[in-house]
C-alpha atoms as a PDB file:
ATOM      1  CA  MET A   1      -5.483  34.834   8.390  1.00  0.00           C
ATOM      2  CA  ALA A   2      -6.154  37.755  11.171  1.00  0.00           C
ATOM      3  CA  VAL A   3      -8.073  37.624  13.669  1.00  0.00           C
ATOM      4  CA  TYR A   4      -9.375  41.083  15.431  1.00  0.00           C
ATOM      5  CA  PRO A   5      -7.330  41.994  18.866  1.00  0.00           C
ATOM      6  CA  ALA A   6     -11.006  41.594  20.856  1.00  0.00           C
ATOM      7  CA  SER A   7     -11.008  38.182  19.756  1.00  0.00           C
ATOM      8  CA  ARG A   8      -7.317  36.268  20.298  1.00  0.00           C
ATOM      9  CA  SER A   9      -7.538  34.117  23.260  1.00  0.00           C
ATOM     10  CA  ALA A  10     -10.736  33.269  22.253  1.00  0.00           C
ATOM     11  CA  GLY A  11     -10.305  30.100  19.938  1.00  0.00           C
ATOM     12  CA  VAL A  12     -11.318  32.197  16.915  1.00  0.00           C
ATOM     13  CA  GLY A  13      -8.050  31.375  15.230  1.00  0.00           C
ATOM     14  CA  ARG A  14      -7.880  27.574  16.040  1.00  0.00           C
ATOM     15  CA  ALA A  15     -11.386  27.190  15.291  1.00  0.00           C
ATOM     16  CA  LEU A  16     -10.946  28.701  11.139  1.00  0.00           C
ATOM     17  CA  MET A  17      -7.762  26.698  10.941  1.00  0.00           C
ATOM     18  CA  SER A  18      -9.817  23.722  11.935  1.00  0.00           C
ATOM     19  CA  HIS A  19     -12.630  24.675   9.081  1.00  0.00           C
ATOM     20  CA  ALA A  20      -9.628  25.288   6.793  1.00  0.00           C
ATOM     21  CA  HIS A  21      -8.004  21.830   7.780  1.00  0.00           C
ATOM     22  CA  ARG A  22     -11.889  20.113   7.283  1.00  0.00           C
ATOM     23  CA  GLU A  23     -11.670  21.300   3.894  1.00  0.00           C
ATOM     24  CA  GLY A  24      -8.201  20.307   2.291  1.00  0.00           C
ATOM     25  CA  ALA A  25      -9.358  16.823   3.509  1.00  0.00           C
ATOM     26  CA  VAL A  26     -13.107  16.887   1.866  1.00  0.00           C
ATOM     27  CA  HIS A  27     -11.215  18.087  -1.436  1.00  0.00           C
ATOM     28  CA  GLY A  28      -8.486  15.362  -0.662  1.00  0.00           C
ATOM     29  CA  TYR A  29      -5.533  17.239  -0.285  1.00  0.00           C
ATOM     30  CA  PRO A  30      -2.477  16.054   1.219  1.00  0.00           C
ATOM     31  CA  ALA A  31      -1.297  18.998   3.361  1.00  0.00           C
ATOM     32  CA  THR A  32      -2.311  22.685   3.790  1.00  0.00           C
ATOM     33  CA  SER A  33       0.489  24.914   4.463  1.00  0.00           C
ATOM     34  CA  LEU A  34       0.617  28.796   5.305  1.00  0.00           C
ATOM     35  CA  HIS A  35       3.396  31.081   5.657  1.00  0.00           C
ATOM     36  CA  VAL A  36       3.801  32.910   9.162  1.00  0.00           C
ATOM     37  CA  PHE A  37       5.891  35.742  10.638  1.00  0.00           C
ATOM     38  CA  ALA A  38       8.599  34.498  12.912  1.00  0.00           C
ATOM     39  CA  ALA A  39       8.491  37.514  15.079  1.00  0.00           C
ATOM     40  CA  ASN A  40       4.590  36.271  15.105  1.00  0.00           C
ATOM     41  CA  THR A  41       5.421  34.010  18.278  1.00  0.00           C
ATOM     42  CA  ARG A  42       2.050  33.591  19.560  1.00  0.00           C
ATOM     43  CA  ALA A  43       1.128  32.205  15.678  1.00  0.00           C
ATOM     44  CA  VAL A  44       4.104  30.037  15.273  1.00  0.00           C
ATOM     45  CA  ALA A  45       3.202  28.620  18.557  1.00  0.00           C
ATOM     46  CA  LEU A  46      -0.388  27.913  17.725  1.00  0.00           C
ATOM     47  CA  TYR A  47       0.145  27.016  13.992  1.00  0.00           C
ATOM     48  CA  THR A  48       2.571  24.435  16.238  1.00  0.00           C
ATOM     49  CA  GLN A  49       0.296  22.840  18.282  1.00  0.00           C
ATOM     50  CA  LEU A  50      -1.934  22.295  15.527  1.00  0.00           C
ATOM     51  CA  GLY A  51       0.345  19.639  14.517  1.00  0.00           C
ATOM     52  CA  TYR A  52       2.600  22.295  11.668  1.00  0.00           C
ATOM     53  CA  SER A  53       5.904  22.478  11.141  1.00  0.00           C
ATOM     54  CA  GLU A  54       8.319  24.134   9.623  1.00  0.00           C
ATOM     55  CA  VAL A  55       9.732  23.609   6.120  1.00  0.00           C
ATOM     56  CA  GLY A  56      11.477  26.237   5.010  1.00  0.00           C
ATOM     57  CA  ARG A  57      12.061  30.364   5.505  1.00  0.00           C
ATOM     58  CA  CYS A  58      13.041  33.546   4.007  1.00  0.00           C
ATOM     59  CA  PRO A  59      14.135  36.731   4.855  1.00  0.00           C
ATOM     60  CA  ALA A  60      10.610  38.598   5.396  1.00  0.00           C
ATOM     61  CA  PRO A  61      10.286  41.880   2.415  1.00  0.00           C
ATOM     62  CA  THR A  62      10.285  44.978   4.228  1.00  0.00           C
ATOM     63  CA  HIS A  63       7.373  47.425   3.689  1.00  0.00           C
ATOM     64  CA  PRO A  64       5.444  50.418   5.930  1.00  0.00           C
ATOM     65  CA  LEU A  65       2.248  48.427   6.200  1.00  0.00           C
ATOM     66  CA  ILE A  66       4.222  44.798   7.323  1.00  0.00           C
ATOM     67  CA  CYS A  67       4.745  45.897  11.328  1.00  0.00           C
ATOM     68  CA  TYR A  68       7.137  42.530  10.947  1.00  0.00           C
ATOM     69  CA  SER A  69      10.690  41.724  10.287  1.00  0.00           C
ATOM     70  CA  GLY A  70      13.177  38.651  10.518  1.00  0.00           C
ATOM     71  CA  ASP A  71      11.809  35.915   8.573  1.00  0.00           C
ATOM     72  CA  VAL A  72       8.907  34.327   7.111  1.00  0.00           C
ATOM     73  CA  LEU A  73       8.374  30.866   7.944  1.00  0.00           C
ATOM     74  CA  LEU A  74       6.626  28.499   5.439  1.00  0.00           C
ATOM     75  CA  MET A  75       4.995  25.847   7.529  1.00  0.00           C
ATOM     76  CA  ARG A  76       3.028  22.112   6.937  1.00  0.00           C
ATOM     77  CA  ARG A  77       0.983  19.812   8.686  1.00  0.00           C
ATOM     78  CA  ARG A  78       0.142  16.281   6.574  1.00  0.00           C
ATOM     79  CA  VAL A  79      -3.945  16.007   6.108  1.00  0.00           C
ATOM     80  CA  LYS A  80      -5.191  12.929   7.400  1.00  0.00           C
ATOM     81  CA  ASP A  81      -6.648  10.546   5.081  1.00  0.00           C
ATOM     82  CA  ARG A  82     -10.511  10.241   5.546  1.00  0.00           C
END
């Protein structure tokens, strides 16, 4: 997921994540998970606020089109029972 810079801090990311989480619940998934660059502190903070926690990490791949370095986090959030 990505949000254009002009739309950041307007609740767009939170709304997209809420929709994804609801869809997971509708389909009976026990949890949702995502990958995020650890250096993307704004995204990590959002996901943490939404109830995600880190369950793993690994070094980020290097590529000219990837603007982050460091680690990639695997974050997970349980889906509440319907």
